[in-house]
Amino acid sequence: MKVIITVIGKDKPGIIFNVSKILFENSVNIEDISQTIMQDYFTMMMLADMSNASSDFNSVKSLLEKAGEDIGVSIKIQRQEFFESMHNI
């Protein structure tokens, strides 16, 4: 299962580390990543593969959302098929 992870918030050290650490600890493979800083705002989008994940989607989602709250950014995860259907007109 492929997922899309988005991160948005004020730029600060450790954002990529905190997200990638959770993915690593749950055996989620990052396949593609794009990040940029616009003025003081950090934005990142990741495509990740959960095929061999050691945790289920909802567990990873909870961990990412909690990490986002802890570091003061918004972290969202969606299944790729839902993301594509929402953005396809």
PDB file of N, CA and C in Angstrom:
ATOM      1  N   MET A   1       0.849  -1.176   0.000  1.00  0.00           N
ATOM      2  CA  MET A   1       0.000   0.000   0.000  1.00  0.00           C
ATOM      3  C   MET A   1       0.892   1.235   0.000  1.00  0.00           C
ATOM      4  N   LYS A   2       0.613   2.153  -0.911  1.00  0.00           N
ATOM      5  CA  LYS A   2       1.341   3.413  -0.992  1.00  0.00           C
ATOM      6  C   LYS A   2       0.549   4.487  -0.243  1.00  0.00           C
ATOM      7  N   VAL A   3       1.296   5.413   0.387  1.00  0.00           N
ATOM      8  CA  VAL A   3       0.676   6.508   1.120  1.00  0.00           C
ATOM      9  C   VAL A   3       1.356   7.821   0.749  1.00  0.00           C
ATOM     10  N   ILE A   4       0.593   8.899   0.907  1.00  0.00           N
ATOM     11  CA  ILE A   4       1.097  10.253   0.727  1.00  0.00           C
ATOM     12  C   ILE A   4       1.115  10.906   2.103  1.00  0.00           C
ATOM     13  N   ILE A   5       2.259  11.464   2.457  1.00  0.00           N
ATOM     14  CA  ILE A   5       2.416  12.157   3.742  1.00  0.00           C
ATOM     15  C   ILE A   5       2.729  13.614   3.447  1.00  0.00           C
ATOM     16  N   THR A   6       1.980  14.526   4.064  1.00  0.00           N
ATOM     17  CA  THR A   6       2.242  15.948   3.894  1.00  0.00           C
ATOM     18  C   THR A   6       2.550  16.569   5.248  1.00  0.00           C
ATOM     19  N   VAL A   7       3.489  17.504   5.227  1.00  0.00           N
ATOM     20  CA  VAL A   7       3.901  18.205   6.438  1.00  0.00           C
ATOM     21  C   VAL A   7       3.948  19.694   6.122  1.00  0.00           C
ATOM     22  N   ILE A   8       3.286  20.494   6.949  1.00  0.00           N
ATOM     23  CA  ILE A   8       3.259  21.944   6.754  1.00  0.00           C
ATOM     24  C   ILE A   8       3.384  22.616   8.118  1.00  0.00           C
ATOM     25  N   GLY A   9       4.223  23.649   8.188  1.00  0.00           N
ATOM     26  CA  GLY A   9       4.342  24.404   9.430  1.00  0.00           C
ATOM     27  C   GLY A   9       5.529  25.341   9.408  1.00  0.00           C
ATOM     28  N   LYS A  10       5.687  26.071  10.491  1.00  0.00           N
ATOM     29  CA  LYS A  10       6.836  26.956  10.629  1.00  0.00           C
ATOM     30  C   LYS A  10       8.111  26.116  10.594  1.00  0.00           C
ATOM     31  N   ASP A  11       9.098  26.600   9.860  1.00  0.00           N
ATOM     32  CA  ASP A  11      10.354  25.865   9.747  1.00  0.00           C
ATOM     33  C   ASP A  11      11.093  25.842  11.077  1.00  0.00           C
ATOM     34  N   LYS A  12      11.649  24.686  11.398  1.00  0.00           N
ATOM     35  CA  LYS A  12      12.462  24.514  12.602  1.00  0.00           C
ATOM     36  C   LYS A  12      13.297  23.259  12.430  1.00  0.00           C
ATOM     37  N   PRO A  13      14.390  23.139  13.150  1.00  0.00           N
ATOM     38  CA  PRO A  13      15.219  21.936  13.046  1.00  0.00           C
ATOM     39  C   PRO A  13      14.455  20.689  13.503  1.00  0.00           C
ATOM     40  N   GLY A  14      14.717  19.569  12.826  1.00  0.00           N
ATOM     41  CA  GLY A  14      14.212  18.280  13.277  1.00  0.00           C
ATOM     42  C   GLY A  14      12.926  17.785  12.647  1.00  0.00           C
ATOM     43  N   ILE A  15      12.315  18.557  11.751  1.00  0.00           N
ATOM     44  CA  ILE A  15      11.042  18.109  11.170  1.00  0.00           C
ATOM     45  C   ILE A  15      11.243  16.824  10.367  1.00  0.00           C
ATOM     46  N   ILE A  16      12.181  16.840   9.437  1.00  0.00           N
ATOM     47  CA  ILE A  16      12.403  15.650   8.602  1.00  0.00           C
ATOM     48  C   ILE A  16      12.848  14.479   9.472  1.00  0.00           C
ATOM     49  N   PHE A  17      13.705  14.734  10.433  1.00  0.00           N
ATOM     50  CA  PHE A  17      14.167  13.674  11.339  1.00  0.00           C
ATOM     51  C   PHE A  17      12.997  13.012  12.051  1.00  0.00           C
ATOM     52  N   ASN A  18      12.102  13.817  12.634  1.00  0.00           N
ATOM     53  CA  ASN A  18      10.986  13.258  13.398  1.00  0.00           C
ATOM     54  C   ASN A  18      10.052  12.416  12.535  1.00  0.00           C
ATOM     55  N   VAL A  19       9.776  12.867  11.328  1.00  0.00           N
ATOM     56  CA  VAL A  19       8.894  12.109  10.427  1.00  0.00           C
ATOM     57  C   VAL A  19       9.590  10.833   9.966  1.00  0.00           C
ATOM     58  N   SER A  20      10.810  10.965   9.466  1.00  0.00           N
ATOM     59  CA  SER A  20      11.501   9.788   8.939  1.00  0.00           C
ATOM     60  C   SER A  20      11.818   8.767  10.034  1.00  0.00           C
ATOM     61  N   LYS A  21      12.031   9.212  11.265  1.00  0.00           N
ATOM     62  CA  LYS A  21      12.286   8.288  12.376  1.00  0.00           C
ATOM     63  C   LYS A  21      11.062   7.390  12.616  1.00  0.00           C
ATOM     64  N   ILE A  22       9.872   7.988  12.616  1.00  0.00           N
ATOM     65  CA  ILE A  22       8.649   7.194  12.806  1.00  0.00           C
ATOM     66  C   ILE A  22       8.490   6.184  11.675  1.00  0.00           C
ATOM     67  N   LEU A  23       8.736   6.633  10.451  1.00  0.00           N
ATOM     68  CA  LEU A  23       8.607   5.717   9.312  1.00  0.00           C
ATOM     69  C   LEU A  23       9.619   4.587   9.412  1.00  0.00           C
ATOM     70  N   PHE A  24      10.855   4.906   9.754  1.00  0.00           N
ATOM     71  CA  PHE A  24      11.891   3.883   9.920  1.00  0.00           C
ATOM     72  C   PHE A  24      11.508   2.872  11.000  1.00  0.00           C
ATOM     73  N   GLU A  25      11.059   3.374  12.143  1.00  0.00           N
ATOM     74  CA  GLU A  25      10.723   2.496  13.266  1.00  0.00           C
ATOM     75  C   GLU A  25       9.546   1.575  12.963  1.00  0.00           C
ATOM     76  N   ASN A  26       8.751   1.917  11.944  1.00  0.00           N
ATOM     77  CA  ASN A  26       7.591   1.110  11.576  1.00  0.00           C
ATOM     78  C   ASN A  26       7.763   0.434  10.218  1.00  0.00           C
ATOM     79  N   SER A  27       9.003   0.382   9.742  1.00  0.00           N
ATOM     80  CA  SER A  27       9.360  -0.288   8.478  1.00  0.00           C
ATOM     81  C   SER A  27       8.582   0.231   7.284  1.00  0.00           C
ATOM     82  N   VAL A  28       8.353   1.541   7.261  1.00  0.00           N
ATOM     83  CA  VAL A  28       7.698   2.193   6.122  1.00  0.00           C
ATOM     84  C   VAL A  28       8.805   2.776   5.249  1.00  0.00           C
ATOM     85  N   ASN A  29       8.810   2.424   3.957  1.00  0.00           N
ATOM     86  CA  ASN A  29       9.861   2.846   3.044  1.00  0.00           C
ATOM     87  C   ASN A  29       9.495   4.154   2.338  1.00  0.00           C
ATOM     88  N   ILE A  30      10.358   5.157   2.448  1.00  0.00           N
ATOM     89  CA  ILE A  30      10.161   6.416   1.727  1.00  0.00           C
ATOM     90  C   ILE A  30      10.628   6.208   0.295  1.00  0.00           C
ATOM     91  N   GLU A  31       9.727   6.408  -0.674  1.00  0.00           N
ATOM     92  CA  GLU A  31      10.069   6.215  -2.080  1.00  0.00           C
ATOM     93  C   GLU A  31      10.399   7.525  -2.788  1.00  0.00           C
ATOM     94  N   ASP A  32       9.781   8.606  -2.358  1.00  0.00           N
ATOM     95  CA  ASP A  32      10.039   9.905  -2.978  1.00  0.00           C
ATOM     96  C   ASP A  32       9.750  10.987  -1.948  1.00  0.00           C
ATOM     97  N   ILE A  33      10.490  12.067  -2.024  1.00  0.00           N
ATOM     98  CA  ILE A  33      10.307  13.149  -1.070  1.00  0.00           C
ATOM     99  C   ILE A  33      10.593  14.482  -1.765  1.00  0.00           C
ATOM    100  N   SER A  34       9.755  15.439  -1.462  1.00  0.00           N
ATOM    101  CA  SER A  34       9.942  16.797  -1.968  1.00  0.00           C
ATOM    102  C   SER A  34       9.691  17.738  -0.802  1.00  0.00           C
ATOM    103  N   GLN A  35      10.618  18.667  -0.586  1.00  0.00           N
ATOM    104  CA  GLN A  35      10.422  19.617   0.501  1.00  0.00           C
ATOM    105  C   GLN A  35      10.952  20.967   0.067  1.00  0.00           C
ATOM    106  N   THR A  36      10.348  21.992   0.614  1.00  0.00           N
ATOM    107  CA  THR A  36      10.781  23.350   0.322  1.00  0.00           C
ATOM    108  C   THR A  36      10.470  24.245   1.515  1.00  0.00           C
ATOM    109  N   ILE A  37      11.129  25.353   1.554  1.00  0.00           N
ATOM    110  CA  ILE A  37      10.848  26.366   2.572  1.00  0.00           C
ATOM    111  C   ILE A  37      10.444  27.634   1.830  1.00  0.00           C
ATOM    112  N   MET A  38       9.240  28.114   2.122  1.00  0.00           N
ATOM    113  CA  MET A  38       8.737  29.346   1.527  1.00  0.00           C
ATOM    114  C   MET A  38       8.648  30.373   2.642  1.00  0.00           C
ATOM    115  N   GLN A  39       9.548  31.354   2.571  1.00  0.00           N
ATOM    116  CA  GLN A  39       9.730  32.315   3.654  1.00  0.00           C
ATOM    117  C   GLN A  39      10.033  31.518   4.919  1.00  0.00           C
ATOM    118  N   ASP A  40       9.204  31.559   5.931  1.00  0.00           N
ATOM    119  CA  ASP A  40       9.493  30.805   7.161  1.00  0.00           C
ATOM    120  C   ASP A  40       8.683  29.518   7.273  1.00  0.00           C
ATOM    121  N   TYR A  41       8.024  29.104   6.192  1.00  0.00           N
ATOM    122  CA  TYR A  41       7.150  27.930   6.245  1.00  0.00           C
ATOM    123  C   TYR A  41       7.757  26.746   5.523  1.00  0.00           C
ATOM    124  N   PHE A  42       7.753  25.619   6.223  1.00  0.00           N
ATOM    125  CA  PHE A  42       8.274  24.354   5.717  1.00  0.00           C
ATOM    126  C   PHE A  42       7.127  23.561   5.114  1.00  0.00           C
ATOM    127  N   THR A  43       7.324  23.030   3.921  1.00  0.00           N
ATOM    128  CA  THR A  43       6.337  22.136   3.314  1.00  0.00           C
ATOM    129  C   THR A  43       7.074  20.895   2.790  1.00  0.00           C
ATOM    130  N   MET A  44       6.463  19.749   2.990  1.00  0.00           N
ATOM    131  CA  MET A  44       7.069  18.506   2.523  1.00  0.00           C
ATOM    132  C   MET A  44       5.969  17.554   2.085  1.00  0.00           C
ATOM    133  N   MET A  45       6.255  16.824   1.022  1.00  0.00           N
ATOM    134  CA  MET A  45       5.363  15.759   0.570  1.00  0.00           C
ATOM    135  C   MET A  45       6.215  14.517   0.348  1.00  0.00           C
ATOM    136  N   MET A  46       5.727  13.401   0.868  1.00  0.00           N
ATOM    137  CA  MET A  46       6.426  12.125   0.719  1.00  0.00           C
ATOM    138  C   MET A  46       5.500  11.095   0.097  1.00  0.00           C
ATOM    139  N   LEU A  47       6.071  10.241  -0.723  1.00  0.00           N
ATOM    140  CA  LEU A  47       5.395   9.034  -1.184  1.00  0.00           C
ATOM    141  C   LEU A  47       6.100   7.892  -0.466  1.00  0.00           C
ATOM    142  N   ALA A  48       5.340   7.083   0.249  1.00  0.00           N
ATOM    143  CA  ALA A  48       5.930   5.984   1.021  1.00  0.00           C
ATOM    144  C   ALA A  48       5.178   4.686   0.752  1.00  0.00           C
ATOM    145  N   ASP A  49       5.880   3.589   0.963  1.00  0.00           N
ATOM    146  CA  ASP A  49       5.325   2.253   0.746  1.00  0.00           C
ATOM    147  C   ASP A  49       5.164   1.556   2.090  1.00  0.00           C
ATOM    148  N   MET A  50       3.926   1.154   2.401  1.00  0.00           N
ATOM    149  CA  MET A  50       3.636   0.459   3.661  1.00  0.00           C
ATOM    150  C   MET A  50       3.464  -1.046   3.473  1.00  0.00           C
ATOM    151  N   SER A  51       3.872  -1.572   2.321  1.00  0.00           N
ATOM    152  CA  SER A  51       3.687  -3.004   2.041  1.00  0.00           C
ATOM    153  C   SER A  51       4.333  -3.901   3.077  1.00  0.00           C
ATOM    154  N   ASN A  52       5.491  -3.496   3.590  1.00  0.00           N
ATOM    155  CA  ASN A  52       6.209  -4.317   4.567  1.00  0.00           C
ATOM    156  C   ASN A  52       6.219  -3.677   5.950  1.00  0.00           C
ATOM    157  N   ALA A  53       5.281  -2.788   6.193  1.00  0.00           N
ATOM    158  CA  ALA A  53       5.240  -2.070   7.470  1.00  0.00           C
ATOM    159  C   ALA A  53       4.991  -3.019   8.632  1.00  0.00           C
ATOM    160  N   SER A  54       5.612  -2.697   9.762  1.00  0.00           N
ATOM    161  CA  SER A  54       5.421  -3.506  10.965  1.00  0.00           C
ATOM    162  C   SER A  54       4.204  -3.048  11.769  1.00  0.00           C
ATOM    163  N   SER A  55       3.600  -1.926  11.374  1.00  0.00           N
ATOM    164  CA  SER A  55       2.396  -1.399  12.031  1.00  0.00           C
ATOM    165  C   SER A  55       1.339  -1.124  10.970  1.00  0.00           C
ATOM    166  N   ASP A  56       0.083  -1.074  11.388  1.00  0.00           N
ATOM    167  CA  ASP A  56      -0.977  -0.788  10.428  1.00  0.00           C
ATOM    168  C   ASP A  56      -1.097   0.717  10.156  1.00  0.00           C
ATOM    169  N   PHE A  57      -1.870   1.061   9.143  1.00  0.00           N
ATOM    170  CA  PHE A  57      -2.029   2.444   8.694  1.00  0.00           C
ATOM    171  C   PHE A  57      -2.464   3.355   9.840  1.00  0.00           C
ATOM    172  N   ASN A  58      -3.480   2.941  10.599  1.00  0.00           N
ATOM    173  CA  ASN A  58      -4.004   3.799  11.667  1.00  0.00           C
ATOM    174  C   ASN A  58      -2.983   4.043  12.780  1.00  0.00           C
ATOM    175  N   SER A  59      -2.151   3.063  13.074  1.00  0.00           N
ATOM    176  CA  SER A  59      -1.108   3.246  14.086  1.00  0.00           C
ATOM    177  C   SER A  59      -0.069   4.257  13.621  1.00  0.00           C
ATOM    178  N   VAL A  60       0.365   4.134  12.372  1.00  0.00           N
ATOM    179  CA  VAL A  60       1.343   5.076  11.817  1.00  0.00           C
ATOM    180  C   VAL A  60       0.734   6.475  11.750  1.00  0.00           C
ATOM    181  N   LYS A  61      -0.518   6.548  11.349  1.00  0.00           N
ATOM    182  CA  LYS A  61      -1.211   7.839  11.290  1.00  0.00           C
ATOM    183  C   LYS A  61      -1.220   8.512  12.669  1.00  0.00           C
ATOM    184  N   SER A  62      -1.560   7.766  13.697  1.00  0.00           N
ATOM    185  CA  SER A  62      -1.589   8.314  15.058  1.00  0.00           C
ATOM    186  C   SER A  62      -0.216   8.792  15.506  1.00  0.00           C
ATOM    187  N   LEU A  63       0.799   8.009  15.226  1.00  0.00           N
ATOM    188  CA  LEU A  63       2.162   8.390  15.599  1.00  0.00           C
ATOM    189  C   LEU A  63       2.600   9.672  14.893  1.00  0.00           C
ATOM    190  N   LEU A  64       2.288   9.777  13.596  1.00  0.00           N
ATOM    191  CA  LEU A  64       2.665  10.973  12.842  1.00  0.00           C
ATOM    192  C   LEU A  64       1.905  12.204  13.334  1.00  0.00           C
ATOM    193  N   GLU A  65       0.604  12.040  13.579  1.00  0.00           N
ATOM    194  CA  GLU A  65      -0.183  13.182  14.063  1.00  0.00           C
ATOM    195  C   GLU A  65       0.309  13.647  15.432  1.00  0.00           C
ATOM    196  N   LYS A  66       0.658  12.709  16.308  1.00  0.00           N
ATOM    197  CA  LYS A  66       1.189  13.061  17.627  1.00  0.00           C
ATOM    198  C   LYS A  66       2.521  13.781  17.500  1.00  0.00           C
ATOM    199  N   ALA A  67       3.382  13.296  16.622  1.00  0.00           N
ATOM    200  CA  ALA A  67       4.678  13.955  16.400  1.00  0.00           C
ATOM    201  C   ALA A  67       4.467  15.369  15.882  1.00  0.00           C
ATOM    202  N   GLY A  68       3.499  15.545  14.984  1.00  0.00           N
ATOM    203  CA  GLY A  68       3.197  16.876  14.464  1.00  0.00           C
ATOM    204  C   GLY A  68       2.779  17.824  15.573  1.00  0.00           C
ATOM    205  N   GLU A  69       1.925  17.349  16.465  1.00  0.00           N
ATOM    206  CA  GLU A  69       1.506  18.172  17.615  1.00  0.00           C
ATOM    207  C   GLU A  69       2.702  18.526  18.494  1.00  0.00           C
ATOM    208  N   ASP A  70       3.575  17.562  18.717  1.00  0.00           N
ATOM    209  CA  ASP A  70       4.734  17.775  19.587  1.00  0.00           C
ATOM    210  C   ASP A  70       5.701  18.819  19.024  1.00  0.00           C
ATOM    211  N   ILE A  71       5.878  18.829  17.695  1.00  0.00           N
ATOM    212  CA  ILE A  71       6.851  19.757  17.108  1.00  0.00           C
ATOM    213  C   ILE A  71       6.199  20.982  16.475  1.00  0.00           C
ATOM    214  N   GLY A  72       4.873  21.050  16.516  1.00  0.00           N
ATOM    215  CA  GLY A  72       4.172  22.243  16.052  1.00  0.00           C
ATOM    216  C   GLY A  72       3.980  22.360  14.558  1.00  0.00           C
ATOM    217  N   VAL A  73       3.793  21.215  13.883  1.00  0.00           N
ATOM    218  CA  VAL A  73       3.486  21.221  12.448  1.00  0.00           C
ATOM    219  C   VAL A  73       2.279  20.319  12.199  1.00  0.00           C
ATOM    220  N   SER A  74       1.697  20.455  11.024  1.00  0.00           N
ATOM    221  CA  SER A  74       0.588  19.591  10.628  1.00  0.00           C
ATOM    222  C   SER A  74       1.144  18.445   9.791  1.00  0.00           C
ATOM    223  N   ILE A  75       0.882  17.207  10.223  1.00  0.00           N
ATOM    224  CA  ILE A  75       1.305  16.028   9.472  1.00  0.00           C
ATOM    225  C   ILE A  75       0.058  15.219   9.132  1.00  0.00           C
ATOM    226  N   LYS A  76      -0.146  15.000   7.846  1.00  0.00           N
ATOM    227  CA  LYS A  76      -1.288  14.219   7.365  1.00  0.00           C
ATOM    228  C   LYS A  76      -0.785  13.043   6.544  1.00  0.00           C
ATOM    229  N   ILE A  77      -1.475  11.923   6.638  1.00  0.00           N
ATOM    230  CA  ILE A  77      -1.152  10.744   5.835  1.00  0.00           C
ATOM    231  C   ILE A  77      -2.451  10.250   5.200  1.00  0.00           C
ATOM    232  N   GLN A  78      -2.368   9.915   3.910  1.00  0.00           N
ATOM    233  CA  GLN A  78      -3.527   9.394   3.179  1.00  0.00           C
ATOM    234  C   GLN A  78      -3.073   8.238   2.305  1.00  0.00           C
ATOM    235  N   ARG A  79      -3.955   7.299   2.118  1.00  0.00           N
ATOM    236  CA  ARG A  79      -3.664   6.245   1.149  1.00  0.00           C
ATOM    237  C   ARG A  79      -3.592   6.881  -0.242  1.00  0.00           C
ATOM    238  N   GLN A  80      -2.656   6.415  -1.049  1.00  0.00           N
ATOM    239  CA  GLN A  80      -2.418   7.033  -2.354  1.00  0.00           C
ATOM    240  C   GLN A  80      -3.677   7.046  -3.222  1.00  0.00           C
ATOM    241  N   GLU A  81      -4.447   5.974  -3.209  1.00  0.00           N
ATOM    242  CA  GLU A  81      -5.635   5.936  -4.063  1.00  0.00           C
ATOM    243  C   GLU A  81      -6.666   6.989  -3.640  1.00  0.00           C
ATOM    244  N   PHE A  82      -6.792   7.249  -2.334  1.00  0.00           N
ATOM    245  CA  PHE A  82      -7.710   8.296  -1.875  1.00  0.00           C
ATOM    246  C   PHE A  82      -7.186   9.674  -2.265  1.00  0.00           C
ATOM    247  N   PHE A  83      -5.891   9.873  -2.120  1.00  0.00           N
ATOM    248  CA  PHE A  83      -5.272  11.156  -2.476  1.00  0.00           C
ATOM    249  C   PHE A  83      -5.491  11.442  -3.958  1.00  0.00           C
ATOM    250  N   GLU A  84      -5.250  10.432  -4.801  1.00  0.00           N
ATOM    251  CA  GLU A  84      -5.398  10.622  -6.250  1.00  0.00           C
ATOM    252  C   GLU A  84      -6.853  10.863  -6.634  1.00  0.00           C
ATOM    253  N   SER A  85      -7.791  10.155  -6.023  1.00  0.00           N
ATOM    254  CA  SER A  85      -9.200  10.344  -6.375  1.00  0.00           C
ATOM    255  C   SER A  85      -9.688  11.719  -5.920  1.00  0.00           C
ATOM    256  N   MET A  86      -9.164  12.241  -4.817  1.00  0.00           N
ATOM    257  CA  MET A  86      -9.563  13.566  -4.339  1.00  0.00           C
ATOM    258  C   MET A  86      -8.999  14.680  -5.222  1.00  0.00           C
ATOM    259  N   HIS A  87      -7.858  14.425  -5.850  1.00  0.00           N
ATOM    260  CA  HIS A  87      -7.196  15.454  -6.652  1.00  0.00           C
ATOM    261  C   HIS A  87      -7.336  15.229  -8.145  1.00  0.00           C
ATOM    262  N   ASN A  88      -8.216  14.344  -8.517  1.00  0.00           N
ATOM    263  CA  ASN A  88      -8.476  14.052  -9.932  1.00  0.00           C
ATOM    264  C   ASN A  88      -9.831  14.610 -10.326  1.00  0.00           C
ATOM    265  N   ILE A  89      -9.853  15.457 -11.301  1.00  0.00           N
ATOM    266  CA  ILE A  89     -11.137  16.044 -11.734  1.00  0.00           C
ATOM    267  C   ILE A  89     -11.421  15.625 -13.144  1.00  0.00           C
TER     268      ILE A  89
END
